[in-house]
Amino acid sequence: MSENTGKQTLNKTAFKAGIFYVFSQLFVRGITFLMTPVYTRLLTQVQYNEIKIFESWLLIFAPAMSLCLWRSVERAKYDVKEHFHEFVSSVQTLSYLSITGFFLLFLVFKEPLQRICSMTDFMMYIAFLYTYAHTSIFYYQRREKQMMRYKASTVFTAATVIPATLLCVLLLYLGKTSGHEDALVALRIGGYYIPMILGGFFVAVRMICQGKKLIHLTYWRYALRFSLPLIPEVLSIQIMNQADKLMVSHMVGKISGSIFNLATNVSYIIWILEDSVWNAWLPWMYEKISRKEESDIAHGWNILMHSFGVISWLLVLFAPEIVLILGGKKYGDAIYLIAPMVTGTLFRFYSYSYTAVQNYYKKTGAVAASTVSVMILNVILNYVCIRQFGYQAAAYTTAFSYLVLLCIQAAMEKKLTKKQLIPLRQTLLISCGYFALCIITMPLYSCHFLLRWAIALCLVPLGYRYFTPHLKTMLHMLKNKPKK
């Protein structure tokens, strides 16, 4: 097979798999988001906040207790080659051993840990079972993604998320109508997470059967060398993602915490899109780097940055309508949090291109050091600014922290790899431009809603003229059809 033909085959495979993955993930993961109006109306603001705080802790538990070993899967594909299934199966075992160690430690310090996490016995045991299961889901999805196989992974996700969502809504409705309001938090958690736990254990067994390897010390050492330096990075990112919600709830109150959490759900719209596209983009990007074809990356990434910038601005423009649908009038103050939250999410997405290159070249220690530093900065800024300016300040401090992280990661990429696929100056101009656009849009909330809708409609032709040729170019690049 010629080099040109191999390049075309890779691009077509990546294109088909990536498009399938993006749309399927938007459908499956969007279901959870679309249930937000149901949850906010069946639950009180205090109960809604309790569940969101529980979910925040889950997002911290999984990477910490599993030692982030699943992060080694993407790079291991290029090192272990035909033994990829064995690698995944054996490293999963090591993660399970680590989680078990944390669970035993929890049993020793059960009462103080439950007070810190604001969890009942039921919530804590569900949290640990879900940590096991979710770790397996991480391994399975990353394995399938790296092999550019998305159908089985998407079917599995749909088969767990859809029934789990429907079950928890049914249990909430039955609990509400039968007068068991005090049990709604437990019903919501049990109804959603028990099916997810069963699904996670199913794929765990499936990967063991396919890999046929529980213990492999060489693979364990490889995974530990790659992933241990990333634990601070992953934990720091999760703490940055969750600290503002936890701190607002603790320092200001559960009602303000519920408003902050609902605004976070709006930023989740753009995060779903960004994460889906990134997970489809990353295998193709790594293949391009491995084949020394980095020049193909920059143009496509530039289009993605502008695309998500425009989507973020549209979320800010329509924030009053989105918040009204998701939570109703009692969550109305959330509209003033949307602009900093979605742009903070945008900055985080832009930084992925710099961290991915460092991870590819196994410079994980530098990634971790910079992320930990920014996390500490974020927590300090949250504490000071919440006390000084109120809970809304936490949205701005988190956005600022992600911008700082972007700059540091870009500088580290250039220092460690002697290259920068995406120029930092270009990224900063785009980042600051969309942040300014989102902020100056907020005064329009006091105007009649028809004005905002008219602005959006007037800009549709301009957006179409700009993005259509660029998107066609990017799709052609990915597909790389040979000239006839």
Protein backbone atom coordinates (compact mmCIF):
# COMPACT_ATOMS: atom_id res chain seq x y z
CA MET A 1 0.00 0.00 0.00
CA SER A 2 1.40 3.40 -1.00
CA GLU A 3 1.87 6.22 1.51
CA ASN A 4 -0.88 8.24 -0.21
CA THR A 5 -3.34 5.36 -0.10
CA GLY A 6 -2.57 4.72 3.58
CA LYS A 7 -3.19 8.37 4.37
CA GLN A 8 -6.53 8.29 2.53
CA THR A 9 -7.58 5.11 4.35
CA LEU A 10 -6.75 6.62 7.75
CA ASN A 11 -8.65 9.81 6.97
CA LYS A 12 -11.74 7.99 5.73
CA THR A 13 -11.76 5.69 8.76
CA ALA A 14 -11.30 8.59 11.16
CA PHE A 15 -13.96 10.63 9.37
CA LYS A 16 -16.63 7.92 9.43
CA ALA A 17 -15.88 6.84 12.98
CA GLY A 18 -15.62 10.41 14.22
CA ILE A 19 -18.89 11.60 12.69
CA PHE A 20 -20.71 8.53 14.01
CA TYR A 21 -19.22 9.05 17.46
CA VAL A 22 -20.08 12.76 17.66
CA PHE A 23 -23.74 12.38 16.73
CA SER A 24 -24.29 9.27 18.82
CA GLN A 25 -22.69 10.87 21.87
CA LEU A 26 -24.75 14.02 21.43
CA PHE A 27 -27.89 11.90 21.41
CA VAL A 28 -27.01 9.65 24.32
CA ARG A 29 -25.43 12.20 26.62
CA GLY A 30 -27.95 14.87 25.67
CA ILE A 31 -30.69 12.75 27.19
CA THR A 32 -29.32 13.38 30.67
CA PHE A 33 -29.20 17.11 30.01
CA LEU A 34 -32.73 17.16 28.60
CA MET A 35 -34.02 15.68 31.85
CA THR A 36 -32.89 18.76 33.80
CA PRO A 37 -36.32 20.50 33.55
CA VAL A 38 -37.91 17.35 34.97
CA TYR A 39 -35.45 17.14 37.88
CA THR A 40 -35.74 20.82 38.79
CA ARG A 41 -39.52 20.56 38.96
CA LEU A 42 -39.76 17.27 40.85
CA LEU A 43 -37.04 18.20 43.36
CA THR A 44 -36.72 21.16 45.69
CA GLN A 45 -33.76 23.48 45.18
CA VAL A 46 -32.07 21.99 48.26
CA GLN A 47 -32.56 18.41 46.98
CA TYR A 48 -31.35 19.35 43.50
CA ASN A 49 -28.23 20.88 45.05
CA GLU A 50 -27.59 17.74 47.17
CA ILE A 51 -27.64 15.55 44.07
CA LYS A 52 -25.34 17.87 42.12
CA ILE A 53 -22.88 17.92 45.05
CA PHE A 54 -22.98 14.10 45.14
CA GLU A 55 -22.20 14.01 41.42
CA SER A 56 -19.35 16.48 41.94
CA TRP A 57 -17.72 14.10 44.43
CA LEU A 58 -18.15 11.18 42.00
CA LEU A 59 -16.18 13.07 39.37
CA ILE A 60 -13.33 13.46 41.87
CA PHE A 61 -13.48 9.87 43.20
CA ALA A 62 -13.05 8.05 39.87
CA PRO A 63 -9.74 9.56 38.68
CA ALA A 64 -8.21 9.62 42.17
CA MET A 65 -9.05 6.07 43.21
CA SER A 66 -8.34 4.43 39.84
CA LEU A 67 -4.92 6.15 39.72
CA CYS A 68 -5.90 7.52 36.29
CA LEU A 69 -4.43 4.37 34.73
CA TRP A 70 -7.02 4.50 31.95
CA ARG A 71 -5.19 7.57 30.63
CA SER A 72 -2.37 5.27 29.46
CA VAL A 73 -4.67 3.41 27.05
CA GLU A 74 -4.46 5.99 24.27
CA ARG A 75 -0.66 5.99 24.13
CA ALA A 76 -0.27 2.26 24.80
CA LYS A 77 -1.93 1.41 21.49
CA TYR A 78 1.22 2.58 19.70
CA ASP A 79 3.58 0.68 22.03
CA VAL A 80 1.92 -2.68 22.78
CA LYS A 81 0.31 -2.95 19.32
CA GLU A 82 -1.27 -6.43 18.91
CA HIS A 83 -1.35 -6.97 22.69
CA PHE A 84 -3.66 -3.99 23.21
CA HIS A 85 -6.58 -6.02 24.65
CA GLU A 86 -4.24 -7.74 27.13
CA PHE A 87 -2.91 -4.38 28.23
CA VAL A 88 -6.37 -2.95 28.90
CA SER A 89 -7.54 -6.05 30.75
CA SER A 90 -4.53 -6.24 33.04
CA VAL A 91 -4.32 -2.52 33.84
CA GLN A 92 -8.03 -2.50 34.71
CA THR A 93 -7.19 -5.04 37.43
CA LEU A 94 -4.62 -2.68 38.91
CA SER A 95 -7.20 0.12 39.03
CA TYR A 96 -9.63 -2.19 40.82
CA LEU A 97 -6.98 -3.05 43.41
CA SER A 98 -6.37 0.65 44.00
CA ILE A 99 -10.09 1.40 44.42
CA THR A 100 -10.36 -1.48 46.90
CA GLY A 101 -7.53 0.04 48.93
CA PHE A 102 -9.36 3.37 49.06
CA PHE A 103 -12.57 1.59 50.08
CA LEU A 104 -10.84 -0.12 53.01
CA LEU A 105 -9.42 3.25 54.04
CA PHE A 106 -12.92 4.70 53.88
CA LEU A 107 -14.21 2.02 56.25
CA VAL A 108 -11.60 3.09 58.81
CA PHE A 109 -12.49 6.82 58.57
CA LYS A 110 -16.14 6.39 57.59
CA GLU A 111 -17.88 8.98 59.79
CA PRO A 112 -15.60 12.00 59.20
CA LEU A 113 -15.45 11.29 55.45
CA GLN A 114 -19.24 11.10 55.24
CA ARG A 115 -19.54 14.44 56.99
CA ILE A 116 -17.02 16.05 54.62
CA CYS A 117 -18.79 14.66 51.54
CA SER A 118 -22.34 15.19 52.91
CA MET A 119 -23.28 11.59 52.11
CA THR A 120 -25.46 8.99 53.80
CA ASP A 121 -24.39 5.33 54.02
CA PHE A 122 -26.44 4.54 50.91
CA MET A 123 -24.90 7.39 48.93
CA MET A 124 -21.35 6.46 49.94
CA TYR A 125 -21.71 2.77 49.01
CA ILE A 126 -23.29 3.71 45.68
CA ALA A 127 -20.38 6.11 45.12
CA PHE A 128 -17.79 3.36 45.58
CA LEU A 129 -19.63 0.81 43.45
CA TYR A 130 -20.02 3.42 40.73
CA THR A 131 -16.31 4.24 40.94
CA TYR A 132 -15.49 0.60 40.11
CA ALA A 133 -18.02 0.51 37.29
CA HIS A 134 -17.21 3.92 35.86
CA THR A 135 -13.51 3.05 35.77
CA SER A 136 -14.32 0.07 33.55
CA ILE A 137 -16.44 2.29 31.34
CA PHE A 138 -13.46 4.64 31.00
CA TYR A 139 -11.24 1.76 29.89
CA TYR A 140 -13.81 0.38 27.45
CA GLN A 141 -14.63 3.71 25.81
CA ARG A 142 -10.98 4.72 25.44
CA ARG A 143 -10.06 1.34 24.00
CA GLU A 144 -12.85 1.46 21.44
CA LYS A 145 -12.17 5.12 20.63
CA GLN A 146 -8.49 4.52 20.01
CA MET A 147 -9.31 1.64 17.68
CA MET A 148 -11.78 3.96 15.90
CA ARG A 149 -14.67 1.60 16.71
CA TYR A 150 -17.62 3.50 18.10
CA LYS A 151 -20.72 1.41 17.39
CA ALA A 152 -20.39 -1.07 20.27
CA SER A 153 -19.38 1.66 22.71
CA THR A 154 -22.33 3.83 21.73
CA VAL A 155 -24.81 0.95 21.92
CA PHE A 156 -23.53 0.14 25.40
CA THR A 157 -23.82 3.77 26.52
CA ALA A 158 -27.36 4.04 25.15
CA ALA A 159 -28.36 0.72 26.74
CA THR A 160 -27.33 2.00 30.18
CA VAL A 161 -27.99 5.76 30.12
CA ILE A 162 -31.48 5.66 28.58
CA PRO A 163 -32.97 3.01 30.95
CA ALA A 164 -31.20 4.60 33.94
CA THR A 165 -32.61 8.03 33.10
CA LEU A 166 -36.14 6.73 32.55
CA LEU A 167 -36.03 4.65 35.75
CA CYS A 168 -34.92 7.53 37.97
CA VAL A 169 -37.58 9.86 36.49
CA LEU A 170 -40.23 7.20 37.13
CA LEU A 171 -39.06 6.69 40.72
CA LEU A 172 -39.01 10.45 41.33
CA TYR A 173 -42.54 10.81 39.99
CA LEU A 174 -43.85 7.90 42.07
CA GLY A 175 -42.08 9.19 45.17
CA LYS A 176 -43.42 12.71 44.65
CA THR A 177 -47.02 11.66 44.02
CA SER A 178 -47.11 9.12 46.87
CA GLY A 179 -45.94 11.63 49.47
CA HIS A 180 -42.36 10.34 49.93
CA GLU A 181 -40.64 13.69 49.29
CA ASP A 182 -37.95 12.94 51.87
CA ALA A 183 -36.79 9.92 49.84
CA LEU A 184 -36.46 11.70 46.49
CA VAL A 185 -32.68 12.15 46.69
CA ALA A 186 -32.15 8.43 47.36
CA LEU A 187 -34.62 7.50 44.59
CA ARG A 188 -32.85 9.75 42.09
CA ILE A 189 -29.42 8.35 42.98
CA GLY A 190 -30.46 4.70 43.11
CA GLY A 191 -32.62 4.88 39.99
CA TYR A 192 -29.83 6.31 37.86
CA TYR A 193 -26.63 4.84 39.27
CA ILE A 194 -27.61 1.21 39.93
CA PRO A 195 -28.22 0.49 36.20
CA MET A 196 -24.96 2.29 35.40
CA ILE A 197 -23.12 0.13 37.95
CA LEU A 198 -24.52 -3.06 36.41
CA GLY A 199 -23.50 -1.88 32.94
CA GLY A 200 -19.98 -1.02 34.11
CA PHE A 201 -19.44 -4.45 35.62
CA PHE A 202 -20.71 -6.04 32.40
CA VAL A 203 -18.04 -4.32 30.27
CA ALA A 204 -15.42 -5.11 32.94
CA VAL A 205 -16.10 -8.83 32.52
CA ARG A 206 -16.21 -8.43 28.73
CA MET A 207 -12.75 -6.80 28.64
CA ILE A 208 -11.32 -9.51 30.90
CA CYS A 209 -12.68 -12.22 28.59
CA GLN A 210 -11.26 -10.47 25.52
CA GLY A 211 -7.86 -9.66 27.03
CA LYS A 212 -7.48 -12.90 29.00
CA LYS A 213 -4.95 -11.22 31.26
CA LEU A 214 -5.55 -10.08 34.84
CA ILE A 215 -1.97 -9.51 35.94
CA HIS A 216 0.93 -8.35 33.79
CA LEU A 217 3.66 -6.57 35.73
CA THR A 218 5.30 -5.04 32.66
CA TYR A 219 2.03 -3.43 31.59
CA TRP A 220 1.39 -2.31 35.16
CA ARG A 221 4.76 -0.56 35.29
CA TYR A 222 4.10 1.07 31.91
CA ALA A 223 0.69 2.34 33.02
CA LEU A 224 2.01 3.60 36.35
CA ARG A 225 4.93 5.45 34.72
CA PHE A 226 2.58 7.12 32.26
CA SER A 227 -0.43 7.77 34.48
CA LEU A 228 0.88 8.54 37.97
CA PRO A 229 2.22 11.96 36.91
CA LEU A 230 -1.22 12.64 35.44
CA ILE A 231 -3.11 12.05 38.70
CA PRO A 232 -2.43 15.59 39.95
CA GLU A 233 -3.45 16.95 36.54
CA VAL A 234 -6.72 15.01 36.31
CA LEU A 235 -7.57 15.67 39.94
CA SER A 236 -6.75 19.34 39.56
CA ILE A 237 -8.99 19.64 36.51
CA GLN A 238 -11.83 17.92 38.36
CA ILE A 239 -11.30 20.07 41.44
CA MET A 240 -11.37 23.16 39.22
CA ASN A 241 -14.58 21.88 37.62
CA GLN A 242 -16.25 21.09 40.95
CA ALA A 243 -14.64 23.43 43.51
CA ASP A 244 -16.75 26.45 42.60
CA LYS A 245 -19.99 24.47 43.08
CA LEU A 246 -18.83 22.91 46.35
CA MET A 247 -17.53 26.23 47.71
CA VAL A 248 -20.66 28.20 46.76
CA SER A 249 -22.86 25.59 48.44
CA HIS A 250 -20.69 25.57 51.58
CA MET A 251 -19.92 29.29 51.85
CA VAL A 252 -23.18 30.86 50.64
CA GLY A 253 -25.93 28.25 50.96
CA LYS A 254 -27.76 25.45 49.17
CA ILE A 255 -30.22 27.75 47.38
CA SER A 256 -27.40 29.76 45.79
CA GLY A 257 -25.64 26.46 45.15
CA SER A 258 -28.65 25.16 43.23
CA ILE A 259 -28.69 28.31 41.04
CA PHE A 260 -24.96 27.93 40.39
CA ASN A 261 -25.44 24.24 39.54
CA LEU A 262 -28.21 24.99 37.07
CA ALA A 263 -26.00 27.52 35.30
CA THR A 264 -23.31 24.84 35.16
CA ASN A 265 -25.83 22.61 33.39
CA VAL A 266 -26.18 25.23 30.66
CA SER A 267 -22.42 25.20 30.14
CA TYR A 268 -22.78 21.40 29.99
CA ILE A 269 -24.44 21.90 26.58
CA ILE A 270 -21.22 23.19 25.06
CA TRP A 271 -19.16 20.69 27.06
CA ILE A 272 -21.12 17.77 25.54
CA LEU A 273 -20.35 19.09 22.07
CA GLU A 274 -16.70 19.84 22.82
CA ASP A 275 -16.01 16.53 24.54
CA SER A 276 -17.71 14.51 21.80
CA VAL A 277 -15.80 16.28 19.04
CA TRP A 278 -12.51 16.10 20.95
CA ASN A 279 -12.84 12.36 21.56
CA ALA A 280 -13.45 11.86 17.86
CA TRP A 281 -10.61 14.23 16.92
CA LEU A 282 -7.88 12.91 19.25
CA PRO A 283 -7.21 9.48 17.63
CA TRP A 284 -6.94 11.14 14.22
CA MET A 285 -4.64 13.82 15.67
CA TYR A 286 -2.35 11.20 17.26
CA GLU A 287 -2.22 9.24 14.03
CA LYS A 288 -1.24 12.42 12.17
CA ILE A 289 1.55 13.14 14.66
CA SER A 290 2.81 9.55 14.47
CA ARG A 291 2.96 9.80 10.65
CA LYS A 292 4.70 13.22 10.75
CA GLU A 293 1.70 14.88 9.09
CA GLU A 294 1.18 17.62 11.71
CA SER A 295 0.55 20.27 9.05
CA ASP A 296 -2.95 18.84 8.53
CA ILE A 297 -3.95 19.60 12.14
CA ALA A 298 -3.77 23.39 12.52
CA HIS A 299 -6.34 24.41 9.90
CA GLY A 300 -9.02 22.03 11.15
CA TRP A 301 -8.43 23.01 14.78
CA ASN A 302 -8.78 26.71 13.89
CA ILE A 303 -12.21 26.00 12.39
CA LEU A 304 -13.23 24.10 15.51
CA MET A 305 -12.16 26.98 17.77
CA HIS A 306 -14.34 29.46 15.87
CA SER A 307 -17.25 27.02 15.64
CA PHE A 308 -17.39 26.47 19.38
CA GLY A 309 -16.86 30.17 20.02
CA VAL A 310 -19.99 30.98 18.03
CA ILE A 311 -21.99 28.22 19.74
CA SER A 312 -20.89 29.56 23.14
CA TRP A 313 -22.05 33.06 22.19
CA LEU A 314 -25.44 31.71 21.07
CA LEU A 315 -25.88 30.04 24.46
CA VAL A 316 -25.21 33.40 26.12
CA LEU A 317 -27.59 35.20 23.75
CA PHE A 318 -30.44 32.79 24.52
CA ALA A 319 -29.57 32.26 28.21
CA PRO A 320 -32.88 33.69 29.57
CA GLU A 321 -34.94 31.23 27.52
CA ILE A 322 -32.65 28.29 28.29
CA VAL A 323 -32.71 28.94 32.06
CA LEU A 324 -36.50 29.38 32.03
CA ILE A 325 -36.93 26.01 30.32
CA LEU A 326 -34.41 24.17 32.48
CA GLY A 327 -35.36 25.50 35.90
CA GLY A 328 -38.16 28.04 35.79
CA LYS A 329 -38.31 31.50 37.33
CA LYS A 330 -36.85 30.43 40.69
CA TYR A 331 -33.51 29.84 38.93
CA GLY A 332 -33.66 33.16 37.02
CA ASP A 333 -30.44 34.59 38.50
CA ALA A 334 -28.50 31.84 36.71
CA ILE A 335 -28.58 33.83 33.45
CA TYR A 336 -25.81 36.12 34.72
CA LEU A 337 -23.48 33.15 35.21
CA ILE A 338 -23.77 31.72 31.70
CA ALA A 339 -21.28 34.02 29.92
CA PRO A 340 -18.26 33.33 32.16
CA MET A 341 -19.15 29.64 32.48
CA VAL A 342 -19.42 28.85 28.77
CA THR A 343 -16.29 30.85 27.93
CA GLY A 344 -14.42 29.10 30.75
CA THR A 345 -15.46 25.81 29.19
CA LEU A 346 -14.29 27.18 25.84
CA PHE A 347 -10.83 28.05 27.25
CA ARG A 348 -10.53 24.54 28.66
CA PHE A 349 -11.37 23.05 25.25
CA TYR A 350 -8.77 25.25 23.53
CA SER A 351 -6.10 24.05 25.98
CA TYR A 352 -6.67 20.40 24.99
CA SER A 353 -4.58 20.79 21.83
CA TYR A 354 -1.52 21.73 23.91
CA THR A 355 -1.88 19.04 26.59
CA ALA A 356 -2.56 16.34 24.00
CA VAL A 357 0.80 16.92 22.29
CA GLN A 358 2.62 16.75 25.64
CA ASN A 359 0.80 13.53 26.53
CA TYR A 360 1.68 12.02 23.15
CA TYR A 361 5.38 12.62 23.80
CA LYS A 362 4.93 11.31 27.38
CA LYS A 363 5.70 14.67 28.99
CA THR A 364 2.97 14.05 31.55
CA GLY A 365 4.85 15.42 34.55
CA ALA A 366 4.90 18.93 33.10
CA VAL A 367 1.18 18.77 32.34
CA ALA A 368 0.46 17.80 35.94
CA ALA A 369 2.67 20.49 37.48
CA SER A 370 1.05 23.32 35.54
CA THR A 371 -2.48 22.06 36.20
CA VAL A 372 -1.91 21.72 39.95
CA SER A 373 -0.55 25.26 40.12
CA VAL A 374 -3.61 26.67 38.35
CA MET A 375 -5.96 24.59 40.53
CA ILE A 376 -4.44 26.11 43.68
CA LEU A 377 -4.80 29.56 42.13
CA ASN A 378 -8.44 28.82 41.30
CA VAL A 379 -9.36 27.66 44.81
CA ILE A 380 -7.71 30.73 46.37
CA LEU A 381 -9.44 33.08 43.93
CA ASN A 382 -12.78 31.35 44.53
CA TYR A 383 -12.47 31.76 48.29
CA VAL A 384 -11.39 35.41 48.18
CA CYS A 385 -13.80 36.53 45.46
CA ILE A 386 -16.86 34.70 46.80
CA ARG A 387 -16.36 36.39 50.16
CA GLN A 388 -15.67 39.77 48.55
CA PHE A 389 -18.12 39.88 45.62
CA GLY A 390 -20.64 37.06 46.14
CA TYR A 391 -21.14 33.61 44.65
CA GLN A 392 -21.34 34.86 41.05
CA ALA A 393 -17.65 35.75 41.19
CA ALA A 394 -16.76 32.03 41.23
CA ALA A 395 -17.83 31.71 37.59
CA TYR A 396 -15.38 34.44 36.55
CA THR A 397 -12.47 33.16 38.65
CA THR A 398 -12.84 29.68 37.14
CA ALA A 399 -12.91 31.11 33.60
CA PHE A 400 -9.80 33.19 34.34
CA SER A 401 -8.05 30.11 35.76
CA TYR A 402 -8.73 28.14 32.58
CA LEU A 403 -7.27 30.98 30.51
CA VAL A 404 -4.13 30.93 32.65
CA LEU A 405 -3.96 27.14 32.24
CA LEU A 406 -4.22 27.49 28.46
CA CYS A 407 -1.26 29.90 28.39
CA ILE A 408 0.90 27.73 30.64
CA GLN A 409 0.16 24.53 28.70
CA ALA A 410 0.99 26.24 25.41
CA ALA A 411 4.30 27.50 26.79
CA MET A 412 5.13 24.05 28.19
CA GLU A 413 4.36 22.36 24.88
CA LYS A 414 6.80 24.62 23.05
CA LYS A 415 9.48 24.21 25.72
CA LEU A 416 9.26 20.41 25.98
CA THR A 417 8.52 19.36 22.41
CA LYS A 418 10.25 22.25 20.60
CA LYS A 419 7.11 22.80 18.54
CA GLN A 420 3.66 24.38 18.81
CA LEU A 421 1.05 23.00 16.47
CA ILE A 422 -1.39 25.82 17.28
CA PRO A 423 0.24 29.27 17.82
CA LEU A 424 -0.59 30.67 21.26
CA ARG A 425 -1.10 34.21 19.94
CA GLN A 426 -3.82 32.97 17.61
CA THR A 427 -5.55 31.03 20.40
CA LEU A 428 -5.45 34.02 22.78
CA LEU A 429 -6.94 36.37 20.19
CA ILE A 430 -9.79 33.96 19.54
CA SER A 431 -10.32 33.29 23.27
CA CYS A 432 -10.40 36.94 24.35
CA GLY A 433 -12.54 37.89 21.36
CA TYR A 434 -15.30 35.44 22.21
CA PHE A 435 -15.11 36.24 25.93
CA ALA A 436 -15.61 39.96 25.17
CA LEU A 437 -18.47 39.16 22.79
CA CYS A 438 -20.25 37.08 25.44
CA ILE A 439 -19.83 39.74 28.15
CA ILE A 440 -21.13 42.63 26.01
CA THR A 441 -24.16 40.48 25.09
CA MET A 442 -25.39 40.32 28.70
CA PRO A 443 -26.95 43.86 28.78
CA LEU A 444 -29.36 42.65 26.08
CA TYR A 445 -31.15 40.60 28.76
CA SER A 446 -32.92 43.79 29.87
CA CYS A 447 -34.25 44.35 26.34
CA HIS A 448 -37.23 42.65 24.71
CA PHE A 449 -36.46 39.07 23.75
CA LEU A 450 -37.34 39.78 20.12
CA LEU A 451 -34.27 42.01 19.84
CA ARG A 452 -31.95 39.13 20.74
CA TRP A 453 -33.73 36.80 18.35
CA ALA A 454 -33.52 39.39 15.57
CA ILE A 455 -29.75 39.76 16.11
CA ALA A 456 -29.32 36.00 15.85
CA LEU A 457 -31.40 35.80 12.65
CA CYS A 458 -29.46 38.66 11.04
CA LEU A 459 -26.16 36.92 11.73
CA VAL A 460 -27.22 33.54 10.31
CA PRO A 461 -26.33 34.45 6.67
CA LEU A 462 -22.93 35.80 7.75
CA GLY A 463 -22.19 32.66 9.73
CA TYR A 464 -23.27 30.49 6.82
CA ARG A 465 -21.03 32.36 4.38
CA TYR A 466 -18.01 32.12 6.68
CA PHE A 467 -18.30 28.58 8.03
CA THR A 468 -19.62 26.66 5.01
CA PRO A 469 -16.44 26.85 2.86
CA HIS A 470 -14.19 26.25 5.88
CA LEU A 471 -16.18 23.24 7.06
CA LYS A 472 -16.16 21.83 3.54
CA THR A 473 -12.37 22.22 3.48
CA MET A 474 -12.01 20.44 6.82
CA LEU A 475 -14.33 17.60 5.81
CA HIS A 476 -12.43 17.22 2.54
CA MET A 477 -9.17 17.11 4.50
CA LEU A 478 -10.49 14.35 6.76
CA LYS A 479 -11.99 12.33 3.95
CA ASN A 480 -9.12 13.17 1.55
CA LYS A 481 -10.87 11.87 -1.51
CA PRO A 482 -8.51 11.18 -4.39
CA LYS A 483 -8.88 13.36 -7.45
CA LYS A 484 -10.55 11.71 -10.35
